[in-house]
Amino acid sequence: MDNPLRILIIEDDPDTRANLKDILELDGHTVYTASSYEESQTVTSRCQIGLVISDRRLPEGMIEDFLGELSVQAAGAEIIVVTAYGDMHSTITALRLGVSDYVIKPIIPDDIRGTVLRIAERQRLRRALAEEHQFSDDVLNTAEAIVLVLDLDGRVVRFNPFFEQLTGWTLDTLRGQDWFQHCISPADRERVKNVFVSVAHDAQTRGVVNEVLGIDQQSHRIRWSNTTLKNAEGATHAVLAVGVDISDLAEAQMRALRAERLAAIGQTVTALAHESRNALQRINAATDVLALELADNLPAQEELQSLRRASKDVQGLLEEVRSFSAPLHLNPARACLPDLWRRVWDDLQGSRAGRVVELVESLDGSELDAEMDSSRIEQVLRNLFENSLAACTDPARIELSCNGESDCLQLHYQDNGPGLNAEQRQRMFEPFYTTKDTGTGLGMSICQRIVEAHHGTITIEKSTSGASFLIRLPRRGCATIQIVD
């Protein structure tokens, strides 16, 4: 037999017990026997039973009195009651207590064999269904892909744990909510709704890409494959969407494109800086000569100072772009991080002259040193200081909190400026992005490259006021960038 059962026969009549055992063993079943309910407990305690065939009248009493215990002891087993007489009341009671079938004596071999065969097939189907459910649950719980079900009004029915891990949304929060209002940005909402409507009308779609917003409004780029779910009558009742997070791929493509652009920019700017250096030097020399000739002409002297500043600005812009596109080489040595920011702060004394600015330090631990390129880390600190001084109104306050873990230094940087909006947090380290009227927008990108080169991290932290950053630098080795909203 393809689906043999482990069967327990409880029967006090030895001839009936033996006949049943012989009949069922001919079909390949494994058969255990007991002459009483008490004896059956020994069998159920050591064997996994799939079917119990019991006489209704046992030495200890009627089987109805033991059905509750038997269902626990032979968990998962179906029960057939055999009786020489029966009444409607006892039959209904037994069925309510979980009995699968009632067989009247004398037992007809083909009838009992047919009943057992149906039960064996039913149990096989139940096991297959359970395995399918388990497989589906395993796939839903372990696949690194979003599985999302929406009803035909675009409300969330369910999704798998990966979506919760990726976005922070919980099913309790989103169930029954409008998917488009909560998880799709306004700019993309109409297009994504149109795709949903077409899928709901049985148009399968693949390769559709859109941004999905997490609970913290962080955006995730998802590529979708969509289809419909139908009920038993063939009517569409929901939309199934399977999505793959391609944010890392999109970022990698963007980085590759950025690298190509920077290489071209580097070559162009290097040549431009070389050609411009001579011209700028001639401008500076000419302004020096004019300054001597016009020593007594104060208005002219002011114009010459303006020329000098313009020349210096142009030279600085060229150098900033050139240094960003050029390879980054480090000269690491042991250095104390607080010493570096104090030196930078002193160098910026002229920039904060006449202002009300407070620098607050909090040091946790005495060993706040690491292997680093001091001049490069000073460049990062200088950029942060200059951004804060430009953004904060007086009284300005900059807080630096540094602590040393076993393998890295952590520097928390906080100012009391206007802070960063969502776009600024997302694009802060993007080359050429700036909110200032002047500048190249490369300052924070250069900071990113420097920290990455040290195998550390610089993160934008969530803050109720002002801009907040966290820099982590390993004590050894020369970093990886991560933006945290």
Protein backbone atom coordinates (compact mmCIF):
# COMPACT_ATOMS: atom_id res chain seq x y z
CA MET A 1 0.00 0.00 0.00
CA ASP A 2 1.27 3.49 -0.87
CA ASN A 3 0.09 5.11 2.37
CA PRO A 4 0.28 2.50 5.18
CA LEU A 5 -0.90 3.49 8.63
CA ARG A 6 0.11 2.61 12.17
CA ILE A 7 -3.14 1.21 13.52
CA LEU A 8 -4.08 0.40 17.13
CA ILE A 9 -6.93 -2.10 17.67
CA ILE A 10 -8.59 -2.01 21.12
CA GLU A 11 -10.79 -5.11 21.40
CA ASP A 12 -11.31 -7.48 24.34
CA ASP A 13 -12.52 -10.36 22.13
CA PRO A 14 -9.35 -12.18 20.98
CA ASP A 15 -10.91 -13.66 17.81
CA THR A 16 -12.24 -10.29 16.58
CA ARG A 17 -8.93 -8.70 17.47
CA ALA A 18 -6.94 -11.30 15.53
CA ASN A 19 -9.25 -11.16 12.48
CA LEU A 20 -9.01 -7.38 12.27
CA LYS A 21 -5.23 -7.52 12.60
CA ASP A 22 -4.93 -10.08 9.78
CA ILE A 23 -7.25 -8.12 7.46
CA LEU A 24 -5.41 -4.86 7.89
CA GLU A 25 -1.89 -6.30 7.74
CA LEU A 26 -2.74 -7.79 4.33
CA ASP A 27 -3.00 -4.17 3.07
CA GLY A 28 0.47 -3.33 4.41
CA HIS A 29 -0.57 -1.51 7.58
CA THR A 30 1.40 -1.87 10.83
CA VAL A 31 -1.08 -3.11 13.44
CA TYR A 32 -0.80 -3.00 17.24
CA THR A 33 -3.41 -4.60 19.53
CA ALA A 34 -4.69 -4.06 23.06
CA SER A 35 -7.37 -5.93 24.98
CA SER A 36 -8.35 -2.94 27.16
CA TYR A 37 -8.10 0.82 27.33
CA GLU A 38 -5.45 0.55 30.02
CA GLU A 39 -3.32 -1.69 27.81
CA SER A 40 -3.76 0.70 24.89
CA GLN A 41 -2.06 3.45 26.88
CA THR A 42 1.18 1.48 26.81
CA VAL A 43 1.03 1.34 23.00
CA THR A 44 0.21 5.03 22.51
CA SER A 45 3.00 6.05 24.87
CA ARG A 46 5.68 4.38 22.73
CA CYS A 47 4.26 4.50 19.19
CA GLN A 48 2.99 7.22 16.88
CA ILE A 49 -0.49 5.97 15.99
CA GLY A 50 -2.37 7.16 12.89
CA LEU A 51 -5.67 5.30 13.42
CA VAL A 52 -7.42 3.76 16.42
CA ILE A 53 -10.12 1.09 15.91
CA SER A 54 -11.85 0.47 19.21
CA ASP A 55 -14.76 -1.65 20.40
CA ARG A 56 -17.36 0.59 21.98
CA ARG A 57 -17.71 -1.57 25.10
CA LEU A 58 -14.34 -2.08 26.86
CA PRO A 59 -13.56 -3.83 30.15
CA GLU A 60 -13.21 -0.43 31.87
CA GLY A 61 -16.44 1.03 30.43
CA MET A 62 -17.78 2.69 27.28
CA ILE A 63 -15.28 4.21 24.80
CA GLU A 64 -17.12 7.55 25.04
CA ASP A 65 -15.77 7.87 28.58
CA PHE A 66 -12.17 7.71 27.33
CA LEU A 67 -12.31 9.59 24.02
CA GLY A 68 -10.94 12.82 25.49
CA GLU A 69 -7.88 11.11 26.99
CA LEU A 70 -7.40 8.93 23.93
CA SER A 71 -7.38 11.96 21.61
CA VAL A 72 -4.57 13.46 23.68
CA GLN A 73 -2.53 10.27 24.00
CA ALA A 74 -2.85 9.37 20.30
CA ALA A 75 -2.56 12.96 19.09
CA GLY A 76 -3.41 13.31 15.41
CA ALA A 77 -4.90 9.83 15.14
CA GLU A 78 -8.39 9.25 13.77
CA ILE A 79 -10.76 6.97 15.69
CA ILE A 80 -13.22 4.35 14.43
CA VAL A 81 -15.69 2.88 16.92
CA VAL A 82 -16.93 -0.69 16.38
CA THR A 83 -20.13 -1.76 18.10
CA ALA A 84 -22.68 -4.59 18.00
CA TYR A 85 -25.42 -2.17 18.88
CA GLY A 86 -25.81 1.55 18.81
CA ASP A 87 -28.24 4.33 19.34
CA MET A 88 -28.53 7.76 17.79
CA HIS A 89 -27.63 9.64 20.96
CA SER A 90 -24.39 7.74 21.63
CA THR A 91 -23.41 7.97 17.97
CA ILE A 92 -23.86 11.75 17.89
CA THR A 93 -21.96 12.09 21.17
CA ALA A 94 -19.04 10.04 19.84
CA LEU A 95 -18.89 12.02 16.60
CA ARG A 96 -18.87 15.27 18.55
CA LEU A 97 -15.95 13.95 20.59
CA GLY A 98 -13.92 13.37 17.44
CA VAL A 99 -14.78 9.90 16.22
CA SER A 100 -14.23 9.60 12.47
CA ASP A 101 -16.61 6.70 11.76
CA TYR A 102 -18.95 4.15 13.34
CA VAL A 103 -18.83 0.49 12.21
CA ILE A 104 -21.57 -1.99 13.12
CA LYS A 105 -20.72 -5.61 13.88
CA PRO A 106 -20.40 -8.10 12.31
CA ILE A 107 -17.47 -6.44 10.55
CA ILE A 108 -17.37 -6.90 6.78
CA PRO A 109 -13.70 -7.07 5.73
CA ASP A 110 -14.11 -5.06 2.51
CA ASP A 111 -16.05 -2.36 4.36
CA ILE A 112 -13.41 -1.90 7.06
CA ARG A 113 -10.65 -2.01 4.48
CA GLY A 114 -12.42 0.67 2.40
CA THR A 115 -12.92 2.87 5.47
CA VAL A 116 -9.26 2.56 6.45
CA LEU A 117 -8.20 3.26 2.86
CA ARG A 118 -10.22 6.50 2.83
CA ILE A 119 -8.69 7.56 6.13
CA ALA A 120 -5.17 6.77 4.88
CA GLU A 121 -5.77 8.87 1.74
CA ARG A 122 -7.23 11.70 3.80
CA GLN A 123 -4.20 11.70 6.08
CA ARG A 124 -1.87 11.66 3.04
CA LEU A 125 -3.62 14.71 1.62
CA ARG A 126 -3.50 16.41 5.01
CA ARG A 127 0.26 15.77 5.27
CA ALA A 128 0.81 17.02 1.73
CA LEU A 129 -1.19 20.17 2.48
CA ALA A 130 0.76 20.73 5.69
CA GLU A 131 4.03 20.31 3.79
CA GLU A 132 2.86 22.81 1.16
CA HIS A 133 1.90 25.27 3.88
CA GLN A 134 5.24 24.77 5.60
CA PHE A 135 7.08 25.24 2.31
CA SER A 136 5.13 28.42 1.59
CA ASP A 137 5.80 29.74 5.08
CA ASP A 138 9.51 28.93 4.76
CA VAL A 139 9.69 30.73 1.43
CA LEU A 140 7.80 33.76 2.76
CA ASN A 141 9.90 33.92 5.91
CA THR A 142 13.34 33.40 4.38
CA ALA A 143 13.22 34.83 0.85
CA GLU A 144 15.01 38.18 0.54
CA ALA A 145 12.17 39.53 -1.56
CA ILE A 146 8.97 41.39 -0.77
CA VAL A 147 5.75 39.39 -1.04
CA LEU A 148 2.81 41.79 -0.89
CA VAL A 149 -0.94 41.21 -1.27
CA LEU A 150 -3.32 44.12 -1.90
CA ASP A 151 -7.09 43.98 -2.21
CA LEU A 152 -8.74 45.52 -5.26
CA ASP A 153 -9.03 48.89 -3.49
CA GLY A 154 -5.26 49.02 -2.98
CA ARG A 155 -5.42 48.22 0.75
CA VAL A 156 -2.78 46.03 2.38
CA VAL A 157 -3.92 42.46 3.06
CA ARG A 158 -0.60 40.92 4.08
CA PHE A 159 3.13 40.92 3.46
CA ASN A 160 6.08 38.76 4.47
CA PRO A 161 8.67 39.40 7.22
CA PHE A 162 11.29 40.65 4.75
CA PHE A 163 9.17 43.70 3.98
CA GLU A 164 8.96 44.46 7.69
CA GLN A 165 12.74 44.06 8.07
CA LEU A 166 13.39 46.30 5.08
CA THR A 167 10.95 49.12 5.79
CA GLY A 168 10.11 48.94 9.49
CA TRP A 169 6.37 48.71 8.76
CA THR A 170 4.51 46.03 10.72
CA LEU A 171 1.51 44.13 9.40
CA ASP A 172 -0.59 45.30 12.35
CA THR A 173 0.16 48.91 11.38
CA LEU A 174 -0.47 48.61 7.63
CA ARG A 175 -3.17 45.94 7.38
CA GLY A 176 -6.27 47.52 5.80
CA GLN A 177 -4.43 50.77 5.06
CA ASP A 178 -4.07 52.42 1.65
CA TRP A 179 -0.78 51.19 0.19
CA PHE A 180 -0.28 54.18 -2.08
CA GLN A 181 -0.90 56.79 0.61
CA HIS A 182 1.47 55.20 3.12
CA CYS A 183 4.26 53.65 1.04
CA ILE A 184 4.47 55.46 -2.32
CA SER A 185 5.85 58.98 -2.68
CA PRO A 186 3.40 61.61 -4.00
CA ALA A 187 5.51 62.15 -7.12
CA ASP A 188 5.26 58.46 -8.08
CA ARG A 189 1.78 57.70 -6.76
CA GLU A 190 -0.25 58.23 -9.94
CA ARG A 191 2.04 56.09 -12.11
CA VAL A 192 2.09 53.22 -9.59
CA LYS A 193 -1.71 53.37 -9.23
CA ASN A 194 -2.09 53.04 -12.99
CA VAL A 195 0.10 49.92 -12.93
CA PHE A 196 -2.03 48.50 -10.10
CA VAL A 197 -5.26 49.11 -12.03
CA SER A 198 -3.90 47.38 -15.12
CA VAL A 199 -2.79 44.37 -13.06
CA ALA A 200 -6.19 44.20 -11.34
CA HIS A 201 -7.64 43.81 -14.85
CA ASP A 202 -5.47 40.72 -15.44
CA ALA A 203 -2.47 42.42 -17.07
CA GLN A 204 0.63 40.78 -15.60
CA THR A 205 3.59 43.15 -15.30
CA ARG A 206 7.30 42.58 -14.78
CA GLY A 207 10.23 44.88 -14.23
CA VAL A 208 8.19 47.79 -12.86
CA VAL A 209 10.46 49.92 -10.66
CA ASN A 210 9.39 52.47 -8.07
CA GLU A 211 10.44 53.87 -4.71
CA VAL A 212 8.84 52.44 -1.55
CA LEU A 213 8.85 54.54 1.62
CA GLY A 214 9.72 52.93 4.94
CA ILE A 215 8.13 53.92 8.22
CA ASP A 216 10.97 56.44 8.67
CA GLN A 217 10.29 57.78 5.14
CA GLN A 218 13.57 56.32 3.90
CA SER A 219 13.25 55.39 0.24
CA HIS A 220 13.90 51.87 -1.13
CA ARG A 221 14.10 51.20 -4.86
CA ILE A 222 12.04 48.07 -5.66
CA ARG A 223 11.60 46.12 -8.93
CA TRP A 224 8.19 44.40 -9.03
CA SER A 225 6.53 41.46 -10.74
CA ASN A 226 2.73 41.59 -10.38
CA THR A 227 -0.18 39.24 -10.96
CA THR A 228 -3.71 38.59 -9.66
CA LEU A 229 -5.12 36.14 -7.13
CA LYS A 230 -8.45 34.48 -7.97
CA ASN A 231 -11.07 32.75 -5.84
CA ALA A 232 -12.66 29.35 -6.49
CA GLU A 233 -15.10 30.90 -8.98
CA GLY A 234 -12.21 32.42 -11.00
CA ALA A 235 -12.93 36.01 -9.96
CA THR A 236 -10.00 38.28 -9.14
CA HIS A 237 -10.01 39.23 -5.46
CA ALA A 238 -6.47 40.53 -4.84
CA VAL A 239 -3.18 41.58 -6.45
CA LEU A 240 0.03 39.72 -5.64
CA ALA A 241 3.26 41.71 -5.99
CA VAL A 242 6.75 40.25 -5.56
CA GLY A 243 9.47 42.87 -5.25
CA VAL A 244 13.26 42.80 -5.15
CA ASP A 245 15.21 45.56 -3.44
CA ILE A 246 17.60 46.96 -6.05
CA SER A 247 18.73 49.96 -4.00
CA ASP A 248 22.27 48.60 -3.71
CA LEU A 249 22.37 47.85 -7.44
CA ALA A 250 21.10 51.32 -8.29
CA GLU A 251 23.64 52.83 -5.93
CA ALA A 252 26.43 50.74 -7.48
CA GLN A 253 25.40 51.86 -10.97
CA MET A 254 25.29 55.45 -9.79
CA ARG A 255 28.74 55.10 -8.23
CA ALA A 256 30.11 53.63 -11.45
CA LEU A 257 28.62 56.48 -13.47
CA ARG A 258 29.92 58.97 -10.92
CA ALA A 259 33.39 57.43 -11.14
CA GLU A 260 33.36 57.81 -14.94
CA ARG A 261 32.22 61.42 -14.63
CA LEU A 262 34.84 62.16 -11.99
CA ALA A 263 37.57 60.64 -14.12
CA ALA A 264 36.58 62.91 -17.01
CA ILE A 265 36.24 65.89 -14.67
CA GLY A 266 39.63 65.10 -13.14
CA GLN A 267 41.37 65.08 -16.49
CA THR A 268 39.66 68.29 -17.57
CA VAL A 269 40.23 70.12 -14.30
CA THR A 270 43.86 69.02 -14.04
CA ALA A 271 44.55 70.47 -17.47
CA LEU A 272 42.49 73.55 -16.67
CA ALA A 273 44.25 74.06 -13.33
CA HIS A 274 47.63 73.75 -15.02
CA GLU A 275 46.74 76.29 -17.70
CA SER A 276 45.01 78.60 -15.23
CA ARG A 277 47.85 78.60 -12.69
CA ASN A 278 50.05 80.74 -14.90
CA ALA A 279 47.22 83.13 -15.63
CA LEU A 280 46.35 83.43 -11.92
CA GLN A 281 50.00 84.00 -11.04
CA ARG A 282 50.16 86.81 -13.63
CA ILE A 283 47.00 88.34 -12.13
CA ASN A 284 48.53 88.19 -8.66
CA ALA A 285 51.82 89.69 -9.87
CA ALA A 286 49.98 92.48 -11.69
CA THR A 287 47.90 93.31 -8.62
CA ASP A 288 51.09 93.45 -6.50
CA VAL A 289 52.65 95.94 -8.94
CA LEU A 290 49.49 98.00 -9.10
CA ALA A 291 49.29 98.00 -5.31
CA LEU A 292 52.72 99.66 -5.15
CA GLU A 293 51.84 102.24 -7.80
CA LEU A 294 48.48 103.04 -6.23
CA ALA A 295 49.60 102.99 -2.61
CA ASP A 296 47.92 106.33 -1.86
CA ASN A 297 44.67 105.55 -3.71
CA LEU A 298 42.43 103.88 -1.14
CA PRO A 299 39.50 103.16 -3.51
CA ALA A 300 41.93 101.53 -5.94
CA GLN A 301 43.47 99.48 -3.12
CA GLU A 302 40.02 98.14 -2.23
CA GLU A 303 39.45 97.10 -5.85
CA LEU A 304 42.83 95.36 -5.90
CA GLN A 305 41.92 93.46 -2.74
CA SER A 306 38.73 92.37 -4.45
CA LEU A 307 40.80 91.09 -7.39
CA ARG A 308 43.08 89.17 -5.06
CA ARG A 309 40.11 87.53 -3.32
CA ALA A 310 38.55 86.60 -6.65
CA SER A 311 41.82 85.07 -7.84
CA LYS A 312 42.17 83.14 -4.60
CA ASP A 313 38.58 81.89 -4.87
CA VAL A 314 39.10 80.64 -8.41
CA GLN A 315 42.32 78.90 -7.40
CA GLY A 316 40.59 77.32 -4.40
CA LEU A 317 37.67 76.03 -6.51
CA LEU A 318 40.02 74.49 -9.06
CA GLU A 319 42.06 72.87 -6.32
CA GLU A 320 38.95 71.48 -4.58
CA VAL A 321 37.63 69.84 -7.76
CA ARG A 322 41.10 68.56 -8.66
CA SER A 323 41.67 67.08 -5.19
CA PHE A 324 38.26 65.36 -5.24
CA SER A 325 38.82 63.66 -8.59
CA ALA A 326 42.42 62.71 -7.83
CA PRO A 327 43.33 59.41 -6.09
CA LEU A 328 43.36 59.68 -2.30
CA HIS A 329 46.65 58.72 -0.64
CA LEU A 330 46.97 58.52 3.15
CA ASN A 331 49.98 58.91 5.40
CA PRO A 332 48.70 57.35 8.63
CA ALA A 333 50.35 57.88 12.00
CA ARG A 334 49.20 57.66 15.60
CA ALA A 335 47.24 60.79 16.52
CA CYS A 336 44.86 62.01 19.22
CA LEU A 337 41.48 62.99 17.79
CA PRO A 338 40.70 65.80 20.30
CA ASP A 339 44.09 67.37 19.55
CA LEU A 340 43.17 67.52 15.87
CA TRP A 341 39.81 69.26 16.30
CA ARG A 342 41.32 71.75 18.78
CA ARG A 343 44.01 72.63 16.26
CA VAL A 344 41.42 73.12 13.52
CA TRP A 345 39.23 75.21 15.86
CA ASP A 346 42.20 77.48 16.63
CA ASP A 347 42.92 77.86 12.91
CA LEU A 348 39.35 79.08 12.38
CA GLN A 349 39.70 81.85 14.94
CA GLY A 350 39.54 84.47 12.21
CA SER A 351 36.31 83.00 10.80
CA ARG A 352 34.54 83.29 14.15
CA ALA A 353 35.99 86.66 15.17
CA GLY A 354 33.32 88.93 16.56
CA ARG A 355 30.82 86.10 16.89
CA VAL A 356 29.30 84.38 19.91
CA VAL A 357 30.37 80.78 19.38
CA GLU A 358 30.81 78.05 21.98
CA LEU A 359 32.66 74.76 21.50
CA VAL A 360 31.62 72.13 24.06
CA GLU A 361 33.72 68.98 24.50
CA SER A 362 32.81 65.72 26.21
CA LEU A 363 35.54 63.09 26.42
CA ASP A 364 34.91 59.54 27.58
CA GLY A 365 38.22 57.76 28.19
CA SER A 366 41.82 58.84 28.12
CA GLU A 367 42.97 56.84 25.08
CA LEU A 368 41.30 58.69 22.22
CA ASP A 369 43.98 58.07 19.63
CA ALA A 370 44.09 56.01 16.44
CA GLU A 371 46.11 55.49 13.28
CA MET A 372 45.00 58.21 10.88
CA ASP A 373 46.17 60.75 8.36
CA SER A 374 46.03 63.83 10.59
CA SER A 375 45.86 66.39 7.79
CA ARG A 376 42.98 64.51 6.10
CA ILE A 377 40.98 64.11 9.31
CA GLU A 378 41.58 67.81 10.03
CA GLN A 379 40.10 68.49 6.59
CA VAL A 380 36.93 66.59 7.61
CA LEU A 381 36.68 68.47 10.91
CA ARG A 382 37.33 71.82 9.22
CA ASN A 383 34.52 71.20 6.75
CA LEU A 384 32.08 70.35 9.55
CA PHE A 385 33.10 73.42 11.55
CA GLU A 386 32.82 75.74 8.55
CA ASN A 387 29.38 74.37 7.63
CA SER A 388 28.15 74.91 11.19
CA LEU A 389 29.57 78.43 11.41
CA ALA A 390 27.84 79.28 8.13
CA ALA A 391 24.50 77.75 9.15
CA CYS A 392 24.21 78.73 12.84
CA THR A 393 23.11 82.10 14.09
CA ASP A 394 24.59 83.52 17.28
CA PRO A 395 24.81 82.33 19.93
CA ALA A 396 26.19 79.31 18.05
CA ARG A 397 26.96 76.10 19.88
CA ILE A 398 28.93 73.11 18.59
CA GLU A 399 29.14 69.96 20.74
CA LEU A 400 31.78 67.26 20.28
CA SER A 401 31.46 64.02 22.23
CA CYS A 402 34.23 61.47 21.81
CA ASN A 403 34.57 57.99 23.29
CA GLY A 404 36.90 55.13 22.62
CA GLU A 405 35.61 51.62 22.11
CA SER A 406 37.93 48.63 22.07
CA ASP A 407 38.51 48.78 18.34
CA CYS A 408 37.36 52.24 17.22
CA LEU A 409 36.81 55.89 18.13
CA GLN A 410 33.32 57.41 18.06
CA LEU A 411 32.85 61.13 17.54
CA HIS A 412 29.36 62.63 17.91
CA TYR A 413 29.13 66.06 16.29
CA GLN A 414 26.11 68.32 16.94
CA ASP A 415 25.37 71.99 16.24
CA ASN A 416 22.38 74.18 17.06
CA GLY A 417 21.70 75.32 13.50
CA PRO A 418 18.52 74.86 11.47
CA GLY A 419 19.28 71.18 10.87
CA LEU A 420 18.89 69.13 7.71
CA ASN A 421 15.69 68.39 5.80
CA ALA A 422 14.93 65.02 4.21
CA GLU A 423 16.48 65.94 0.86
CA GLN A 424 19.65 67.26 2.49
CA ARG A 425 20.03 64.11 4.60
CA GLN A 426 19.63 61.94 1.52
CA ARG A 427 21.93 63.94 -0.76
CA MET A 428 24.45 65.37 1.70
CA PHE A 429 27.34 63.23 0.43
CA GLU A 430 26.38 63.50 -3.24
CA PRO A 431 29.11 65.21 -5.32
CA PHE A 432 28.30 68.78 -6.44
CA TYR A 433 25.20 68.96 -4.21
CA THR A 434 25.11 72.22 -2.25
CA THR A 435 22.57 74.51 -0.60
CA LYS A 436 24.97 77.44 -0.58
CA ASP A 437 25.04 80.28 -3.09
CA THR A 438 28.73 79.65 -3.75
CA GLY A 439 30.96 76.59 -3.64
CA THR A 440 31.37 73.37 -5.56
CA GLY A 441 29.26 71.12 -3.34
CA LEU A 442 32.22 68.77 -2.90
CA GLY A 443 33.06 69.41 0.75
CA MET A 444 31.02 66.60 2.31
CA SER A 445 31.78 64.26 -0.58
CA ILE A 446 35.47 64.74 0.12
CA CYS A 447 34.80 64.08 3.82
CA GLN A 448 33.07 60.87 2.82
CA ARG A 449 36.02 59.73 0.73
CA ILE A 450 38.47 60.51 3.53
CA VAL A 451 36.47 58.60 6.15
CA GLU A 452 35.94 55.70 3.76
CA ALA A 453 39.66 55.57 3.10
CA HIS A 454 40.20 55.09 6.85
CA HIS A 455 37.74 52.14 6.87
CA GLY A 456 35.43 54.09 9.17
CA THR A 457 31.88 55.44 8.88
CA ILE A 458 30.33 58.89 8.88
CA THR A 459 26.57 58.94 9.42
CA ILE A 460 23.95 61.64 9.52
CA GLU A 461 22.03 61.10 12.74
CA LYS A 462 18.43 61.93 13.42
CA SER A 463 18.20 65.09 15.51
CA THR A 464 15.38 67.28 16.78
CA SER A 465 17.47 70.42 16.22
CA GLY A 466 20.65 71.21 14.35
CA ALA A 467 22.84 68.96 12.24
CA SER A 468 24.17 65.81 13.85
CA PHE A 469 26.88 63.45 12.61
CA LEU A 470 28.52 60.31 13.93
CA ILE A 471 32.06 59.46 12.80
CA ARG A 472 33.57 56.09 13.63
CA LEU A 473 37.27 55.51 13.00
CA PRO A 474 39.03 52.20 13.62
CA ARG A 475 42.06 52.40 15.87
CA ARG A 476 44.05 50.40 13.35
CA GLY A 477 43.93 50.38 9.57
CA CYS A 478 43.13 52.93 7.07
CA ALA A 479 36.26 53.99 5.74
CA THR A 480 32.33 52.84 4.60
CA ILE A 481 29.52 55.38 4.45
CA GLN A 482 26.06 54.96 5.85
CA ILE A 483 23.27 57.54 6.05
CA VAL A 484 20.81 57.09 8.90
CA ASP A 485 17.59 59.09 8.85
